[in-house]
Each structure stands twice: as C-alpha cells, then as structure tokens.
N, C-alpha and C. Protein backbone atom coordinates (compact mmCIF):
# COMPACT_ATOMS: atom_id res chain seq x y z
N LEU A 1 -60.90 -43.00 -24.00
CA LEU A 1 -60.70 -41.85 -23.85
C LEU A 1 -59.16 -41.34 -23.19
N LEU A 2 -58.51 -42.89 -22.79
CA LEU A 2 -57.01 -42.57 -22.50
C LEU A 2 -55.77 -43.47 -23.52
N SER A 3 -56.21 -43.17 -24.76
CA SER A 3 -56.08 -44.36 -25.52
C SER A 3 -55.94 -44.06 -26.67
N HIS A 4 -55.69 -42.20 -26.83
CA HIS A 4 -55.32 -41.26 -27.44
C HIS A 4 -54.74 -40.21 -26.35
N SER A 5 -54.13 -39.40 -27.55
CA SER A 5 -52.72 -38.16 -26.74
C SER A 5 -54.12 -36.97 -26.20
N ASP A 6 -54.84 -36.73 -27.24
CA ASP A 6 -56.40 -35.25 -26.66
C ASP A 6 -56.74 -36.07 -25.56
N GLY A 7 -57.90 -37.16 -25.54
CA GLY A 7 -58.79 -37.53 -25.05
C GLY A 7 -57.48 -37.63 -23.07
N ALA A 8 -55.85 -38.52 -23.41
CA ALA A 8 -55.69 -38.96 -22.24
C ALA A 8 -55.06 -37.06 -21.37
N ARG A 9 -54.89 -36.55 -21.90
CA ARG A 9 -54.23 -34.99 -22.05
C ARG A 9 -55.18 -34.39 -21.21
N GLY A 10 -56.30 -34.32 -21.46
CA GLY A 10 -58.05 -33.75 -21.40
C GLY A 10 -58.12 -34.82 -19.78
N PHE A 11 -58.12 -35.88 -19.51
CA PHE A 11 -58.45 -36.53 -18.24
C PHE A 11 -57.14 -35.94 -17.44
N TYR A 12 -56.32 -35.59 -18.03
CA TYR A 12 -55.15 -35.66 -16.98
C TYR A 12 -55.36 -33.87 -16.43
N VAL A 13 -55.23 -33.15 -17.37
CA VAL A 13 -55.78 -32.06 -17.43
C VAL A 13 -56.90 -31.38 -15.99
N THR A 14 -57.86 -32.39 -16.38
CA THR A 14 -59.36 -32.34 -15.01
C THR A 14 -59.14 -32.79 -14.50
N THR A 15 -58.58 -34.07 -13.98
CA THR A 15 -58.13 -35.16 -12.94
C THR A 15 -57.24 -34.99 -12.06
N LEU A 16 -56.02 -34.21 -12.14
CA LEU A 16 -54.49 -33.87 -11.64
C LEU A 16 -54.93 -32.15 -10.40
N THR A 17 -55.51 -31.69 -11.52
CA THR A 17 -55.45 -29.99 -11.37
C THR A 17 -57.13 -29.50 -10.27
N ILE A 18 -58.09 -30.21 -10.47
CA ILE A 18 -59.35 -29.99 -9.89
C ILE A 18 -59.72 -30.56 -8.58
N GLN A 19 -59.87 -30.47 -7.54
CA GLN A 19 -59.37 -30.73 -6.19
C GLN A 19 -60.37 -31.19 -5.78
N ASP A 20 -61.95 -30.98 -6.79
CA ASP A 20 -63.08 -32.07 -6.36
C ASP A 20 -63.09 -33.20 -7.07
N PHE A 21 -61.11 -33.64 -7.64
CA PHE A 21 -61.20 -35.26 -7.79
C PHE A 21 -60.76 -36.15 -7.01
N GLU A 22 -60.07 -35.31 -5.63
CA GLU A 22 -59.46 -35.78 -4.38
C GLU A 22 -59.93 -37.75 -4.16
N PRO A 23 -60.93 -37.21 -4.19
CA PRO A 23 -61.28 -38.74 -3.63
C PRO A 23 -60.35 -39.95 -4.83
N VAL A 24 -60.49 -39.56 -6.02
CA VAL A 24 -60.02 -40.03 -7.14
C VAL A 24 -58.29 -41.03 -6.49
N PHE A 25 -57.77 -40.26 -5.49
CA PHE A 25 -56.25 -40.07 -5.48
C PHE A 25 -56.10 -40.51 -3.83
N GLY A 26 -56.30 -41.90 -3.52
CA GLY A 26 -56.45 -42.62 -1.96
C GLY A 26 -55.22 -43.31 -2.13
N ALA A 27 -55.01 -44.12 -1.13
CA ALA A 27 -53.54 -44.60 -1.11
C ALA A 27 -53.39 -45.60 -2.22
N GLU A 28 -54.51 -45.99 -2.76
CA GLU A 28 -54.40 -46.57 -4.42
C GLU A 28 -54.74 -46.51 -5.42
N LEU A 29 -54.24 -46.43 -6.60
CA LEU A 29 -54.91 -46.02 -7.69
C LEU A 29 -56.26 -47.08 -7.85
N ASP A 30 -57.51 -46.90 -8.48
CA ASP A 30 -58.31 -47.50 -8.43
C ASP A 30 -57.76 -48.25 -9.49
N SER A 31 -57.97 -50.07 -9.98
CA SER A 31 -57.73 -51.12 -10.44
C SER A 31 -58.25 -50.70 -11.94
N ASP A 32 -58.96 -50.00 -12.16
CA ASP A 32 -59.59 -50.23 -13.66
C ASP A 32 -58.93 -49.02 -13.91
N LEU A 33 -58.86 -48.03 -13.45
CA LEU A 33 -57.48 -47.03 -14.22
C LEU A 33 -56.43 -47.03 -14.37
N ALA A 34 -55.88 -48.15 -13.20
CA ALA A 34 -54.58 -48.33 -13.08
C ALA A 34 -54.84 -49.39 -15.46
N GLU A 35 -55.61 -50.45 -14.54
CA GLU A 35 -55.68 -51.16 -16.17
C GLU A 35 -56.15 -50.26 -17.42
N ALA A 36 -56.61 -48.72 -16.99
CA ALA A 36 -56.72 -48.22 -18.25
C ALA A 36 -55.38 -47.37 -19.09
N ILE A 37 -54.98 -47.32 -17.92
CA ILE A 37 -53.72 -46.46 -18.22
C ILE A 37 -52.47 -47.64 -19.30
N CYS A 38 -52.82 -48.73 -18.49
CA CYS A 38 -51.87 -49.93 -19.68
C CYS A 38 -52.39 -50.60 -20.21
N SER A 39 -53.18 -50.01 -20.63
CA SER A 39 -53.58 -50.64 -21.76
C SER A 39 -53.05 -49.81 -23.01
N SER A 40 -52.41 -48.32 -22.56
CA SER A 40 -52.55 -47.52 -23.57
C SER A 40 -51.13 -46.53 -23.30
N PRO A 41 -49.91 -47.45 -23.17
CA PRO A 41 -49.00 -46.58 -22.39
C PRO A 41 -48.58 -45.80 -23.75
N ASN A 42 -48.29 -45.72 -24.18
CA ASN A 42 -48.39 -45.06 -25.60
C ASN A 42 -49.99 -43.85 -25.65
N PRO A 43 -49.91 -43.30 -25.04
CA PRO A 43 -49.79 -41.99 -24.43
C PRO A 43 -49.12 -41.51 -22.88
N ASN A 44 -49.57 -42.08 -22.61
CA ASN A 44 -50.00 -42.27 -20.96
C ASN A 44 -48.58 -41.85 -20.36
N VAL A 45 -47.97 -42.68 -20.46
CA VAL A 45 -46.68 -43.32 -20.08
C VAL A 45 -46.14 -41.20 -20.10
N ARG A 46 -45.96 -40.97 -21.63
CA ARG A 46 -44.86 -39.49 -21.29
C ARG A 46 -46.11 -38.74 -20.42
N LEU A 47 -47.15 -38.46 -20.66
CA LEU A 47 -47.95 -37.46 -20.31
C LEU A 47 -48.23 -37.36 -18.75
N LEU A 48 -47.86 -38.60 -17.37
CA LEU A 48 -47.76 -38.51 -16.37
C LEU A 48 -46.23 -38.32 -15.87
N VAL A 49 -45.25 -38.82 -17.10
CA VAL A 49 -43.98 -37.96 -16.93
C VAL A 49 -43.51 -36.35 -17.01
N MET A 50 -43.91 -35.65 -18.09
CA MET A 50 -44.51 -34.71 -18.29
C MET A 50 -44.74 -34.19 -17.46
N ASN A 51 -45.80 -34.58 -16.58
CA ASN A 51 -46.66 -33.81 -15.58
C ASN A 51 -46.01 -33.82 -14.50
N LEU A 52 -45.07 -34.61 -13.90
CA LEU A 52 -44.50 -35.00 -12.98
C LEU A 52 -43.61 -33.91 -12.81
N ALA A 53 -43.00 -33.37 -13.92
CA ALA A 53 -41.62 -32.28 -14.01
C ALA A 53 -42.21 -31.14 -14.14
N MET A 54 -43.08 -31.58 -14.48
CA MET A 54 -43.99 -29.77 -14.82
C MET A 54 -44.55 -28.96 -14.13
N SER A 55 -45.02 -29.98 -13.39
CA SER A 55 -45.65 -29.61 -11.49
C SER A 55 -45.32 -29.54 -11.16
N THR A 56 -43.64 -29.97 -10.96
CA THR A 56 -42.89 -29.78 -9.81
C THR A 56 -42.09 -28.68 -9.87
N ALA A 57 -41.81 -27.95 -11.37
CA ALA A 57 -41.15 -26.80 -11.65
C ALA A 57 -41.84 -25.80 -11.79
N THR A 58 -43.20 -26.13 -11.89
CA THR A 58 -44.27 -24.88 -11.94
C THR A 58 -43.89 -24.27 -10.60
N GLU A 59 -44.20 -25.50 -9.47
CA GLU A 59 -44.51 -25.03 -8.35
C GLU A 59 -43.62 -23.83 -8.11
N LEU A 60 -42.24 -24.47 -7.93
CA LEU A 60 -40.76 -23.14 -7.55
C LEU A 60 -40.91 -21.90 -8.44
N ALA A 61 -41.36 -22.14 -9.48
CA ALA A 61 -42.13 -20.34 -10.22
C ALA A 61 -42.79 -19.85 -9.38
N HIS A 62 -43.60 -20.31 -9.14
CA HIS A 62 -45.12 -19.62 -8.83
C HIS A 62 -44.65 -18.81 -7.00
N LEU A 63 -44.14 -20.01 -6.80
CA LEU A 63 -43.30 -19.77 -5.10
C LEU A 63 -41.95 -18.33 -4.83
N ALA A 64 -41.83 -18.75 -6.49
CA ALA A 64 -40.35 -17.13 -6.87
C ALA A 64 -41.28 -16.30 -7.24
N ASN A 65 -42.25 -16.16 -7.51
CA ASN A 65 -43.23 -15.23 -7.60
C ASN A 65 -44.07 -15.07 -7.07
N GLY A 66 -43.58 -15.37 -5.49
CA GLY A 66 -44.66 -14.77 -4.62
C GLY A 66 -46.14 -15.47 -4.87
N ASN A 67 -46.81 -16.61 -5.54
CA ASN A 67 -47.98 -16.69 -5.52
C ASN A 67 -48.14 -18.53 -5.20
N LYS A 68 -48.19 -18.30 -3.48
CA LYS A 68 -48.81 -19.25 -2.81
C LYS A 68 -50.41 -19.94 -3.33
N ASP A 69 -50.79 -19.26 -3.82
CA ASP A 69 -52.01 -20.36 -4.44
C ASP A 69 -52.01 -21.25 -5.49
N PHE A 70 -51.62 -20.49 -6.17
CA PHE A 70 -50.87 -21.14 -7.49
C PHE A 70 -49.64 -22.60 -7.15
N ALA A 71 -48.80 -22.09 -6.62
CA ALA A 71 -48.02 -22.95 -6.22
C ALA A 71 -48.35 -24.75 -5.09
N ALA A 72 -49.34 -23.83 -4.37
CA ALA A 72 -50.29 -25.20 -4.22
C ALA A 72 -51.01 -25.93 -4.77
N GLY A 73 -51.60 -25.72 -6.29
CA GLY A 73 -52.14 -26.23 -7.67
C GLY A 73 -51.32 -27.04 -7.85
N SER A 74 -50.24 -26.59 -8.18
CA SER A 74 -48.73 -27.19 -8.66
C SER A 74 -48.81 -28.54 -7.79
N ARG A 75 -48.16 -28.26 -6.52
CA ARG A 75 -48.02 -29.11 -5.44
C ARG A 75 -49.07 -30.36 -5.61
N MET A 76 -50.43 -29.86 -5.87
CA MET A 76 -51.72 -30.77 -5.50
C MET A 76 -50.85 -31.62 -6.92
N THR A 77 -50.71 -31.52 -8.63
CA THR A 77 -50.93 -31.57 -9.18
C THR A 77 -49.12 -32.91 -9.46
N ARG A 78 -48.71 -32.37 -8.03
CA ARG A 78 -47.61 -33.08 -8.67
C ARG A 78 -47.97 -34.34 -7.75
N ASP A 79 -48.18 -33.84 -6.58
CA ASP A 79 -48.41 -34.79 -5.58
C ASP A 79 -49.48 -36.10 -6.40
N ARG A 80 -50.39 -35.92 -6.99
CA ARG A 80 -51.18 -36.72 -7.69
C ARG A 80 -50.75 -37.45 -8.81
N THR A 81 -49.93 -37.21 -9.71
CA THR A 81 -49.31 -37.44 -10.81
C THR A 81 -48.55 -38.91 -9.89
N SER A 82 -47.48 -38.08 -8.90
CA SER A 82 -46.49 -39.19 -8.19
C SER A 82 -47.45 -40.55 -7.20
N MET A 83 -48.71 -40.03 -7.01
CA MET A 83 -49.51 -41.45 -7.14
C MET A 83 -49.75 -41.99 -7.75
N VAL A 84 -50.09 -41.88 -9.00
CA VAL A 84 -50.45 -42.73 -9.56
C VAL A 84 -48.86 -43.16 -10.74
N ILE A 85 -47.99 -42.54 -10.54
CA ILE A 85 -47.18 -43.20 -11.31
C ILE A 85 -46.68 -44.59 -10.17
N LYS A 86 -46.47 -43.89 -9.12
CA LYS A 86 -46.16 -45.25 -8.36
C LYS A 86 -46.41 -46.42 -8.20
N SER A 87 -47.69 -46.02 -8.40
CA SER A 87 -49.35 -47.10 -9.02
C SER A 87 -49.04 -48.02 -9.51
N LEU A 88 -48.23 -47.54 -11.07
CA LEU A 88 -47.71 -48.21 -11.68
C LEU A 88 -46.57 -48.91 -12.04
N LEU A 89 -45.92 -47.88 -11.35
CA LEU A 89 -44.55 -48.14 -11.69
C LEU A 89 -44.06 -49.81 -11.93
N GLY A 90 -44.54 -50.47 -11.09
CA GLY A 90 -44.68 -52.21 -11.73
C GLY A 90 -45.70 -52.70 -12.70
N ARG A 91 -46.13 -51.83 -13.02
CA ARG A 91 -46.65 -52.87 -13.67
C ARG A 91 -46.46 -51.82 -15.31
N LEU A 92 -45.90 -50.42 -15.63
CA LEU A 92 -45.28 -50.84 -16.69
C LEU A 92 -44.39 -50.44 -16.54
N PRO A 93 -43.23 -50.85 -17.42
CA PRO A 93 -41.76 -50.72 -17.16
C PRO A 93 -41.58 -49.27 -18.01
N GLN A 94 -42.33 -48.93 -19.14
CA GLN A 94 -41.58 -48.27 -19.48
C GLN A 94 -41.78 -46.61 -18.48
N ILE A 95 -42.55 -46.50 -17.89
CA ILE A 95 -42.37 -45.16 -16.94
C ILE A 95 -41.41 -45.33 -16.28
N GLY A 96 -40.87 -46.24 -16.00
CA GLY A 96 -39.59 -46.01 -14.92
C GLY A 96 -38.88 -45.92 -15.69
N GLU A 97 -38.56 -46.20 -16.89
CA GLU A 97 -37.39 -45.93 -18.12
C GLU A 97 -37.31 -44.26 -18.38
N GLU A 98 -38.73 -44.04 -18.69
CA GLU A 98 -38.56 -42.54 -18.84
C GLU A 98 -38.11 -42.18 -17.93
N LEU A 99 -38.96 -42.06 -16.39
CA LEU A 99 -38.67 -41.01 -15.98
C LEU A 99 -36.87 -41.31 -15.15
N GLU A 100 -36.33 -42.26 -15.58
CA GLU A 100 -34.65 -42.59 -15.11
C GLU A 100 -34.30 -41.67 -16.52
N THR A 101 -35.05 -41.91 -17.57
CA THR A 101 -34.03 -41.04 -18.49
C THR A 101 -33.85 -39.53 -18.02
N LEU A 102 -35.36 -38.89 -17.94
CA LEU A 102 -35.42 -37.73 -17.24
C LEU A 102 -34.70 -37.06 -16.17
N LYS A 103 -34.52 -38.41 -15.35
CA LYS A 103 -33.88 -37.19 -14.04
C LYS A 103 -32.16 -37.12 -14.32
N GLN A 104 -31.89 -38.61 -15.45
CA GLN A 104 -30.52 -38.34 -16.04
C GLN A 104 -30.26 -36.52 -16.29
N ILE A 105 -30.93 -36.58 -17.12
CA ILE A 105 -31.34 -35.35 -18.46
C ILE A 105 -31.11 -34.07 -17.69
N ALA A 106 -31.86 -34.15 -16.25
CA ALA A 106 -32.02 -33.32 -15.69
C ALA A 106 -30.76 -32.85 -14.74
N ASP A 107 -30.20 -33.87 -14.06
CA ASP A 107 -28.70 -33.99 -13.41
C ASP A 107 -27.71 -33.39 -14.68
N GLY A 108 -27.81 -33.14 -15.62
CA GLY A 108 -26.78 -32.76 -16.50
C GLY A 108 -25.85 -34.01 -16.80
N VAL A 109 -26.31 -35.10 -16.70
CA VAL A 109 -25.47 -36.20 -17.43
C VAL A 109 -25.24 -36.31 -19.25
N GLU A 110 -23.95 -36.33 -19.49
CA GLU A 110 -23.76 -36.50 -20.87
C GLU A 110 -24.97 -37.20 -21.28
N PRO A 111 -25.28 -36.45 -22.73
CA PRO A 111 -26.80 -37.24 -23.11
C PRO A 111 -26.64 -38.35 -23.65
N GLY A 112 -26.90 -39.21 -23.44
CA GLY A 112 -26.91 -40.97 -24.31
C GLY A 112 -27.54 -41.10 -25.52
N GLU A 113 -28.16 -41.93 -26.94
CA GLU A 113 -29.01 -41.94 -27.68
C GLU A 113 -29.99 -42.41 -27.71
N GLY A 114 -31.00 -42.40 -28.76
CA GLY A 114 -31.92 -42.32 -29.26
C GLY A 114 -33.13 -41.32 -28.80
N GLU A 115 -34.74 -41.92 -29.33
CA GLU A 115 -35.31 -40.41 -29.00
C GLU A 115 -35.66 -40.07 -28.21
N LEU A 116 -35.81 -41.26 -27.24
CA LEU A 116 -35.97 -40.89 -25.99
C LEU A 116 -35.53 -39.41 -25.27
N TRP A 117 -34.01 -39.78 -25.33
CA TRP A 117 -32.99 -38.73 -24.93
C TRP A 117 -32.76 -37.24 -25.60
N LYS A 118 -33.68 -37.57 -26.97
CA LYS A 118 -33.78 -36.51 -27.67
C LYS A 118 -35.18 -35.61 -27.08
N GLU A 119 -36.23 -36.43 -26.94
CA GLU A 119 -37.43 -36.15 -26.80
C GLU A 119 -37.66 -35.25 -25.04
N LEU A 120 -36.94 -36.08 -23.95
CA LEU A 120 -37.28 -36.22 -22.97
C LEU A 120 -36.17 -34.06 -23.15
N GLY A 121 -34.99 -34.55 -23.30
CA GLY A 121 -34.16 -33.28 -23.54
C GLY A 121 -34.84 -31.84 -23.54
N ALA A 122 -35.40 -32.06 -25.02
CA ALA A 122 -36.14 -31.18 -26.08
C ALA A 122 -37.26 -30.28 -25.05
N PHE A 123 -38.14 -31.31 -24.66
CA PHE A 123 -38.69 -31.15 -23.59
C PHE A 123 -38.01 -30.24 -22.36
N LEU A 124 -37.15 -30.14 -21.54
CA LEU A 124 -36.81 -29.93 -20.25
C LEU A 124 -36.20 -28.68 -20.72
N ASP A 125 -35.37 -28.15 -22.38
CA ASP A 125 -35.42 -27.41 -22.99
C ASP A 125 -36.50 -26.42 -23.31
N ARG A 126 -37.63 -26.37 -23.71
CA ARG A 126 -38.72 -25.93 -24.14
C ARG A 126 -39.05 -25.32 -23.30
N TRP A 127 -39.14 -25.45 -22.35
CA TRP A 127 -39.66 -24.82 -20.96
C TRP A 127 -39.04 -24.04 -19.94
N GLY A 128 -37.77 -24.20 -20.64
CA GLY A 128 -36.46 -23.23 -20.02
C GLY A 128 -36.31 -23.54 -18.57
N TYR A 129 -36.61 -24.62 -18.39
CA TYR A 129 -36.08 -25.11 -16.55
C TYR A 129 -34.84 -24.75 -15.62
N ASP A 130 -34.83 -23.80 -15.02
CA ASP A 130 -32.92 -23.63 -14.57
C ASP A 130 -32.71 -24.90 -13.71
N ALA A 131 -31.37 -24.30 -13.79
CA ALA A 131 -30.76 -25.56 -12.96
C ALA A 131 -31.59 -25.69 -11.07
N LYS A 132 -32.44 -25.45 -10.27
CA LYS A 132 -33.07 -25.10 -9.36
C LYS A 132 -34.42 -26.43 -9.64
N GLN A 133 -35.08 -25.97 -11.02
CA GLN A 133 -36.08 -26.64 -11.38
C GLN A 133 -35.61 -27.83 -12.02
N ARG A 134 -34.28 -27.82 -12.07
CA ARG A 134 -34.44 -29.14 -12.53
C ARG A 134 -33.83 -30.33 -11.46
N ALA A 135 -33.25 -29.72 -10.41
CA ALA A 135 -32.75 -30.11 -9.09
C ALA A 135 -33.92 -30.77 -8.71
N ALA A 136 -34.40 -29.74 -8.88
CA ALA A 136 -36.08 -30.40 -8.42
C ALA A 136 -37.26 -31.56 -8.95
N ILE A 137 -36.76 -31.36 -10.04
CA ILE A 137 -37.75 -32.59 -10.57
C ILE A 137 -36.86 -33.71 -10.99
N SER A 138 -35.50 -33.92 -10.81
CA SER A 138 -34.26 -35.01 -10.13
C SER A 138 -34.68 -35.22 -8.34
N ASP A 139 -34.98 -34.81 -8.15
CA ASP A 139 -35.58 -34.87 -6.82
C ASP A 139 -36.93 -36.15 -6.23
N GLN A 140 -37.71 -34.76 -7.27
CA GLN A 140 -39.19 -36.19 -6.71
C GLN A 140 -39.15 -36.67 -7.91
N ILE A 141 -38.17 -37.41 -9.19
CA ILE A 141 -38.42 -38.49 -9.55
C ILE A 141 -37.21 -39.69 -8.65
N SER A 142 -36.73 -39.18 -8.10
CA SER A 142 -35.84 -39.98 -6.83
C SER A 142 -37.23 -40.17 -5.88
N LEU A 143 -38.20 -39.65 -5.33
CA LEU A 143 -38.87 -39.94 -4.70
C LEU A 143 -40.14 -40.98 -5.15
N VAL A 144 -40.19 -40.61 -6.50
CA VAL A 144 -41.34 -41.35 -7.12
C VAL A 144 -40.65 -42.77 -7.34
N MET A 145 -40.16 -42.94 -7.63
CA MET A 145 -39.49 -44.59 -7.71
C MET A 145 -38.17 -44.76 -6.26
N LEU A 146 -38.54 -44.49 -5.00
CA LEU A 146 -38.56 -45.10 -4.22
C LEU A 146 -39.35 -46.64 -3.54
C-alpha cells in the first residue's frame, strides 16, 4: 500500500484526516507502520512533507474564511503529519533534507541547485501560498525538526 504513490496517497488521506484514526497517532508511531514507510522512502517522504505544508497553510486559509471546523480538520492533519515525521526523522534522512529545503524556500532563501529545489518551489508556487502561509510552513517545519 505504501510502496507506490496512489496507495500512499490514499493511506494518508484516510488516516491523517479522519477522526476515527486518532488511536494510530499516540505518543509513538507503530513500529510496523514506521517500517512500511521507511521501506519505501519514495513516495512517502515527499507526501509527508507536502502534507505538512498543505495542512499548515490550509488551516490559515480556513481561519481567514471564518471556517473554524475546517481549520480544526487541517490542524488535526498537521498535528498527525508532524507526529509521523518526528517519529521518522532519525530513520529517514531524506525527510530531514526535504524539510530543510522546503523551509529555506518558504523563508525566501535564494534558490539552490537541483531537482529538489525546483520541485518543492513549484509545489509552493502551484498552491499560491502567501507570505503568512509560507511563514507558518517554515515555523511548523522548525517545530517538527526540534
């Protein structure tokens, strides 16, 4: 399920956004789930990094539109994604690299070289995240990487 993009997307959409899955996100990530994610860094690293950014930015958009319920859903997704990423940082070095690159892009650091910079920069641009959302993404990445 987690070894290919479609399966991983479906898994994260379901588990990160539905309240009934709260028991999955205790203090520590289940070791079998962590192993499944780590055994397929691609696509999981990128999907987790993008989920963290999207849910962080979307929470602000919902709050700006006065929709507290939708904002709470985005916050839950952000918190769950943060927990998964924190659990994997020591096991998946790629996730730290992608988070650091995304943080630099969100902070407006002069673009670096390589596909990672291009892809993550295009991701932020494609969704049209404003300065406040980019700052929130950067702040959330800092919290996750503590």
